[in-house]
Amino acid sequence: MKIIVAPDRYDHYLTASEVTASIGRAVLETFPNADIVAIPVADGSTGTMDAIGFASRAAKVKCPAVDPLGRAIEVDIGLLPSGTITIDAESVAGIHLIAPEDRNGQYTTRGIGMLISAALQIGTGGIIIAAGGDLVDDGGKGAIEEIKDDKRIPKTRFAILTGSKGTNSLSSALCDFLCAEEKDGASTIFDILNFDEKIEGCALVITGEYSAGDGHAAMEAATRAKAKDIPVLSVCADFGNGDVYDAGVAKLALCSDYADSNEEMRSRLSSLVFHTTLYALREIESGLSPIVLPTAPGEEHEF
């Protein structure tokens, strides 16, 4: 039996790959002979580099940059086998990088420009910039100021991916300056991942995100599975704003909890995702769920 495990990240607590691993362990405990296909997903915000990199075995390259307050940091960009570079703008321009007491409204996106410069030095293909997420807003001025004199820009293909909130001032400014094509993040990433082809013949798609329906990636997974009449289980931390059932989710399992720190939340969530998925799958296995799975076994998959 083939089962697809394709969750998005859990906010900034767990990466999509970490959520995938927790769900995968629950699948194997319930269905030890399941053929698991792991597809961590993203929607054009943080996690885009990891999602594309996981599927294409991309290398990570550490690059110096600055955060929204101009403080020196070091972050990863992805180098695909094709030579294409992937950049998560939120890794250097995300509001989560600033402590609440330091949020004074005086921010810079210069770090994005620094990553673009590094990408132009390293890559031999195009550059994909994930410009979604909760970003600081300087209208893209810091990023453009950093790269305005780079002669390599007109010779390079750029794609700007928007997240669940759509176009923002940064994505618009980068598109204009780089003569880039702006694309919907979720649909573009799922096409890059060959998601439709990978879910062919599967018995179940398991997706999820931190708040059910708030991101585009889990909803995109559900919608594409629904189009092929594949049942979908979504494992989330809490209720969001989207109508997940209308998108194609047959069963929603929630694992909300509270912790005093990010590290404690990370530890708890990893365990909660595992146990919540395990409980939901045992309901499915025992017939106490709207999801009905075939009984034919597949190959065992080491997770």
Protein backbone atom coordinates (compact mmCIF):
# COMPACT_ATOMS: atom_id res chain seq x y z
CA MET A 1 0.00 0.00 0.00
CA LYS A 2 1.44 3.34 -1.10
CA ILE A 3 1.00 6.28 1.28
CA ILE A 4 2.11 9.84 0.50
CA VAL A 5 3.42 11.93 3.41
CA ALA A 6 3.39 15.57 2.29
CA PRO A 7 3.11 18.13 5.12
CA ASP A 8 4.15 21.77 5.25
CA ARG A 9 6.25 23.19 8.11
CA TYR A 10 4.70 23.83 11.52
CA ASP A 11 5.24 27.58 11.62
CA HIS A 12 8.84 28.15 12.82
CA TYR A 13 8.74 25.23 15.25
CA LEU A 14 9.22 22.21 12.94
CA THR A 15 10.43 22.05 9.35
CA ALA A 16 8.38 20.16 6.78
CA SER A 17 11.03 17.42 6.79
CA GLU A 18 10.75 17.05 10.58
CA VAL A 19 6.95 16.83 10.38
CA THR A 20 7.31 14.31 7.54
CA ALA A 21 9.57 12.15 9.71
CA SER A 22 7.13 12.16 12.66
CA ILE A 23 4.17 11.27 10.44
CA GLY A 24 6.22 8.63 8.64
CA ARG A 25 7.07 6.85 11.88
CA ALA A 26 3.38 6.71 12.79
CA VAL A 27 2.54 5.27 9.37
CA LEU A 28 5.12 2.51 9.73
CA GLU A 29 3.95 1.64 13.24
CA THR A 30 0.40 1.23 11.95
CA PHE A 31 1.14 -0.19 8.50
CA PRO A 32 4.64 -1.76 8.69
CA ASN A 33 4.51 -2.89 5.05
CA ALA A 34 3.47 0.51 3.69
CA ASP A 35 5.39 2.01 0.79
CA ILE A 36 5.93 5.57 2.05
CA VAL A 37 6.67 8.37 -0.39
CA ALA A 38 7.96 11.39 1.54
CA ILE A 39 7.29 14.77 -0.11
CA PRO A 40 7.83 17.72 2.28
CA VAL A 41 6.00 20.70 0.74
CA ALA A 42 5.92 24.50 0.92
CA ASP A 43 3.92 27.40 -0.48
CA GLY A 44 6.51 30.04 -1.35
CA SER A 45 7.45 31.09 2.18
CA THR A 46 9.99 29.58 4.59
CA GLY A 47 10.67 25.94 3.74
CA THR A 48 10.62 26.38 -0.03
CA MET A 49 14.36 25.81 -0.29
CA ASP A 50 14.11 22.66 1.83
CA ALA A 51 11.08 21.27 -0.04
CA ILE A 52 12.64 21.67 -3.47
CA GLY A 53 16.02 20.58 -2.13
CA PHE A 54 14.63 17.40 -0.53
CA ALA A 55 13.15 16.28 -3.85
CA SER A 56 16.16 17.16 -5.98
CA ARG A 57 18.97 16.30 -3.53
CA ALA A 58 20.17 19.90 -3.52
CA ALA A 59 23.26 21.00 -1.65
CA LYS A 60 23.07 23.70 1.02
CA VAL A 61 25.56 26.54 0.85
CA LYS A 62 26.08 28.82 3.86
CA CYS A 63 26.23 32.51 3.02
CA PRO A 64 26.88 35.64 5.10
CA ALA A 65 23.95 38.06 5.31
CA VAL A 66 22.25 40.47 7.68
CA ASP A 67 18.91 40.23 9.49
CA PRO A 68 16.20 42.95 9.35
CA LEU A 69 18.07 44.99 11.96
CA GLY A 70 21.36 44.79 10.04
CA ARG A 71 22.96 42.27 12.38
CA ALA A 72 25.35 39.78 10.79
CA ILE A 73 23.97 36.27 10.35
CA GLU A 74 24.75 33.20 8.25
CA VAL A 75 22.00 31.32 6.38
CA ASP A 76 21.68 28.58 3.76
CA ILE A 77 20.74 28.85 0.13
CA GLY A 78 20.01 25.77 -1.98
CA LEU A 79 22.10 24.67 -4.95
CA LEU A 80 20.21 22.27 -7.21
CA PRO A 81 22.04 19.77 -9.47
CA SER A 82 20.92 21.90 -12.44
CA GLY A 83 22.83 24.88 -11.06
CA THR A 84 19.64 26.70 -10.07
CA ILE A 85 19.71 28.46 -6.69
CA THR A 86 16.80 28.64 -4.24
CA ILE A 87 16.51 31.41 -1.65
CA ASP A 88 14.05 31.76 1.23
CA ALA A 89 13.58 35.51 1.75
CA GLU A 90 12.11 34.91 5.21
CA SER A 91 15.44 33.45 6.38
CA VAL A 92 16.92 36.98 6.39
CA ALA A 93 13.85 39.25 6.30
CA GLY A 94 11.33 37.42 8.47
CA ILE A 95 9.69 39.31 11.32
CA HIS A 96 10.27 36.21 13.48
CA LEU A 97 13.99 37.08 13.51
CA ILE A 98 13.28 40.15 15.65
CA ALA A 99 12.41 39.89 19.33
CA PRO A 100 9.12 41.65 20.15
CA GLU A 101 10.89 44.28 22.26
CA ASP A 102 13.19 45.18 19.29
CA ARG A 103 10.43 45.68 16.70
CA ASN A 104 10.83 49.38 15.99
CA GLY A 105 9.71 49.49 12.34
CA GLN A 106 13.20 50.45 11.10
CA TYR A 107 14.07 47.36 9.07
CA THR A 108 16.10 46.42 6.02
CA THR A 109 15.86 43.72 3.35
CA ARG A 110 19.56 44.10 2.52
CA GLY A 111 20.11 40.46 3.53
CA ILE A 112 18.06 39.32 0.54
CA GLY A 113 20.31 41.32 -1.77
CA MET A 114 23.36 39.71 -0.17
CA LEU A 115 21.91 36.24 -0.82
CA ILE A 116 21.16 37.14 -4.43
CA SER A 117 24.78 38.31 -4.85
CA ALA A 118 26.03 35.03 -3.38
CA ALA A 119 23.70 33.07 -5.65
CA LEU A 120 25.01 34.89 -8.72
CA GLN A 121 28.53 33.93 -7.66
CA ILE A 122 27.73 30.25 -7.00
CA GLY A 123 24.99 29.16 -9.39
CA THR A 124 25.09 28.52 -13.11
CA GLY A 125 21.33 28.40 -13.67
CA GLY A 126 18.42 30.59 -12.64
CA ILE A 127 17.47 31.86 -9.19
CA ILE A 128 14.20 31.06 -7.41
CA ILE A 129 13.30 33.47 -4.60
CA ALA A 130 10.56 32.45 -2.16
CA ALA A 131 9.16 35.86 -1.20
CA GLY A 132 6.19 34.73 0.89
CA GLY A 133 5.78 34.66 4.66
CA ASP A 134 5.74 37.30 7.38
CA LEU A 135 8.37 39.69 6.07
CA VAL A 136 9.60 43.09 7.18
CA ASP A 137 8.68 45.87 4.78
CA ASP A 138 11.08 48.41 3.33
CA GLY A 139 9.59 48.11 -0.14
CA GLY A 140 12.56 45.99 -1.21
CA LYS A 141 14.87 49.02 -1.04
CA GLY A 142 17.59 47.31 0.99
CA ALA A 143 17.73 44.30 -1.31
CA ILE A 144 17.82 46.38 -4.50
CA GLU A 145 20.44 48.79 -3.15
CA GLU A 146 22.73 45.82 -2.51
CA ILE A 147 22.53 44.45 -6.08
CA LYS A 148 21.75 47.52 -8.21
CA ASP A 149 25.17 47.62 -9.90
CA ASP A 150 25.58 43.86 -10.48
CA LYS A 151 26.15 43.31 -14.19
CA ARG A 152 25.18 39.64 -13.97
CA ILE A 153 21.53 40.34 -13.22
CA PRO A 154 20.35 40.99 -16.80
CA LYS A 155 21.88 37.65 -17.86
CA THR A 156 20.13 35.63 -15.13
CA ARG A 157 16.59 34.15 -15.03
CA PHE A 158 14.69 34.92 -11.86
CA ALA A 159 11.41 33.54 -10.55
CA ILE A 160 9.67 35.16 -7.56
CA LEU A 161 7.31 32.85 -5.65
CA THR A 162 4.50 34.35 -3.58
CA GLY A 163 3.14 32.68 -0.45
CA SER A 164 -0.33 32.24 1.01
CA LYS A 165 -0.77 36.01 1.39
CA GLY A 166 -0.09 36.67 -2.30
CA THR A 167 1.88 39.58 -3.73
CA ASN A 168 3.67 41.89 -1.29
CA SER A 169 5.79 45.01 -1.64
CA LEU A 170 9.01 42.96 -1.68
CA SER A 171 7.87 40.55 -4.39
CA SER A 172 6.58 43.43 -6.53
CA ALA A 173 9.81 45.42 -6.17
CA LEU A 174 12.01 42.41 -6.97
CA CYS A 175 9.89 41.46 -9.97
CA ASP A 176 10.22 44.96 -11.40
CA PHE A 177 13.95 45.32 -10.77
CA LEU A 178 14.97 41.80 -11.77
CA CYS A 179 12.51 41.56 -14.69
CA ALA A 180 11.37 38.39 -12.97
CA GLU A 181 8.27 36.29 -13.39
CA GLU A 182 6.00 36.25 -10.34
CA LYS A 183 4.40 32.86 -9.70
CA ASP A 184 2.04 31.34 -7.17
CA GLY A 185 4.33 29.54 -4.74
CA ALA A 186 2.27 26.45 -3.93
CA SER A 187 1.27 25.50 -7.47
CA THR A 188 4.79 26.15 -8.82
CA ILE A 189 6.48 24.11 -6.09
CA PHE A 190 4.06 21.20 -6.49
CA ASP A 191 4.78 21.16 -10.21
CA ILE A 192 8.54 21.20 -9.54
CA LEU A 193 8.04 18.28 -7.12
CA ASN A 194 6.05 16.31 -9.73
CA PHE A 195 3.40 15.88 -7.05
CA ASP A 196 0.59 14.77 -9.37
CA GLU A 197 2.74 12.03 -10.85
CA LYS A 198 4.01 10.84 -7.45
CA ILE A 199 0.53 10.42 -5.93
CA GLU A 200 -0.70 8.20 -8.76
CA GLY A 201 -1.89 4.86 -7.38
CA CYS A 202 -1.55 5.81 -3.73
CA ALA A 203 -4.10 4.80 -1.09
CA LEU A 204 -3.79 7.86 1.14
CA VAL A 205 -2.24 11.33 1.21
CA ILE A 206 -1.26 12.66 4.64
CA THR A 207 -0.58 16.38 4.76
CA GLY A 208 -0.69 19.03 7.48
CA GLU A 209 0.47 22.42 8.71
CA TYR A 210 0.47 24.40 11.95
CA SER A 211 -2.96 26.07 11.53
CA ALA A 212 -5.41 24.12 9.40
CA GLY A 213 -6.21 25.94 6.17
CA ASP A 214 -4.00 28.99 6.77
CA GLY A 215 -1.22 28.01 4.35
CA HIS A 216 -1.50 27.11 0.71
CA ALA A 217 0.72 24.02 0.66
CA ALA A 218 -1.46 21.60 2.65
CA MET A 219 -4.55 22.89 0.84
CA GLU A 220 -2.79 22.39 -2.51
CA ALA A 221 -1.94 18.79 -1.54
CA ALA A 222 -5.57 18.13 -0.58
CA THR A 223 -6.97 19.74 -3.72
CA ARG A 224 -4.69 17.76 -6.03
CA ALA A 225 -5.44 14.50 -4.20
CA LYS A 226 -9.18 15.20 -4.34
CA ALA A 227 -8.95 15.62 -8.11
CA LYS A 228 -7.69 12.02 -8.29
CA ASP A 229 -10.23 10.69 -5.73
CA ILE A 230 -7.50 9.98 -3.19
CA PRO A 231 -8.51 10.34 0.48
CA VAL A 232 -6.61 12.93 2.55
CA LEU A 233 -5.72 12.99 6.24
CA SER A 234 -4.52 16.38 7.51
CA VAL A 235 -2.59 16.58 10.81
CA CYS A 236 -2.46 20.13 12.21
CA ALA A 237 -1.66 21.86 15.48
CA ASP A 238 -4.88 23.86 15.61
CA PHE A 239 -7.81 25.26 13.64
CA GLY A 240 -7.06 27.94 11.07
CA ASN A 241 -9.25 29.96 8.74
CA GLY A 242 -9.47 27.80 5.64
CA ASP A 243 -12.18 25.26 4.77
CA VAL A 244 -10.01 22.14 4.65
CA TYR A 245 -12.94 19.81 4.07
CA ASP A 246 -14.03 21.73 0.99
CA ALA A 247 -10.45 21.50 -0.30
CA GLY A 248 -10.57 17.72 -0.10
CA VAL A 249 -9.58 16.72 3.44
CA ALA A 250 -11.55 13.65 4.56
CA LYS A 251 -10.25 13.67 8.15
CA LEU A 252 -8.65 16.45 10.22
CA ALA A 253 -6.58 15.48 13.28
CA LEU A 254 -5.49 18.20 15.73
CA CYS A 255 -2.54 18.09 18.12
CA SER A 256 -2.55 21.54 19.73
CA ASP A 257 -0.50 22.21 22.85
CA TYR A 258 1.20 25.02 24.74
CA ALA A 259 4.83 25.38 25.75
CA ASP A 260 6.88 28.07 27.47
CA SER A 261 9.67 28.20 24.87
CA ASN A 262 10.30 27.45 21.21
CA GLU A 263 12.57 24.53 22.07
CA GLU A 264 9.96 23.02 24.36
CA MET A 265 7.31 23.53 21.70
CA ARG A 266 9.51 21.84 19.08
CA SER A 267 10.01 18.82 21.32
CA ARG A 268 6.34 18.54 22.23
CA LEU A 269 5.06 19.08 18.71
CA SER A 270 7.27 16.38 17.25
CA SER A 271 5.85 13.88 19.73
CA LEU A 272 2.31 15.18 19.36
CA VAL A 273 2.41 14.92 15.56
CA PHE A 274 3.53 11.31 15.87
CA HIS A 275 0.89 10.32 18.42
CA THR A 276 -1.94 12.27 16.77
CA THR A 277 -1.16 10.67 13.41
CA LEU A 278 -0.89 7.25 15.05
CA TYR A 279 -4.31 7.63 16.69
CA ALA A 280 -5.91 8.85 13.44
CA LEU A 281 -4.43 5.96 11.46
CA ARG A 282 -5.63 3.41 14.01
CA GLU A 283 -9.12 4.86 13.67
CA ILE A 284 -8.82 4.42 9.91
CA GLU A 285 -7.47 0.89 10.31
CA SER A 286 -10.36 -0.10 12.61
CA GLY A 287 -13.03 1.39 10.33
CA LEU A 288 -13.93 4.29 12.65
CA SER A 289 -13.12 6.92 10.01
CA PRO A 290 -14.59 8.10 6.71
CA ILE A 291 -11.32 7.03 5.07
CA VAL A 292 -11.26 3.46 3.75
CA LEU A 293 -7.95 1.96 2.71
CA PRO A 294 -7.22 -1.09 0.53
CA THR A 295 -5.83 -4.16 2.26
CA ALA A 296 -3.17 -5.13 -0.31
CA PRO A 297 0.33 -4.72 1.19
CA GLY A 298 3.19 -2.96 -0.55
CA GLU A 299 6.92 -2.92 -0.03
CA GLU A 300 8.29 -1.97 3.35
CA HIS A 301 10.02 1.39 3.39
CA GLU A 302 12.75 2.29 5.89
CA PHE A 303 12.00 5.79 7.20
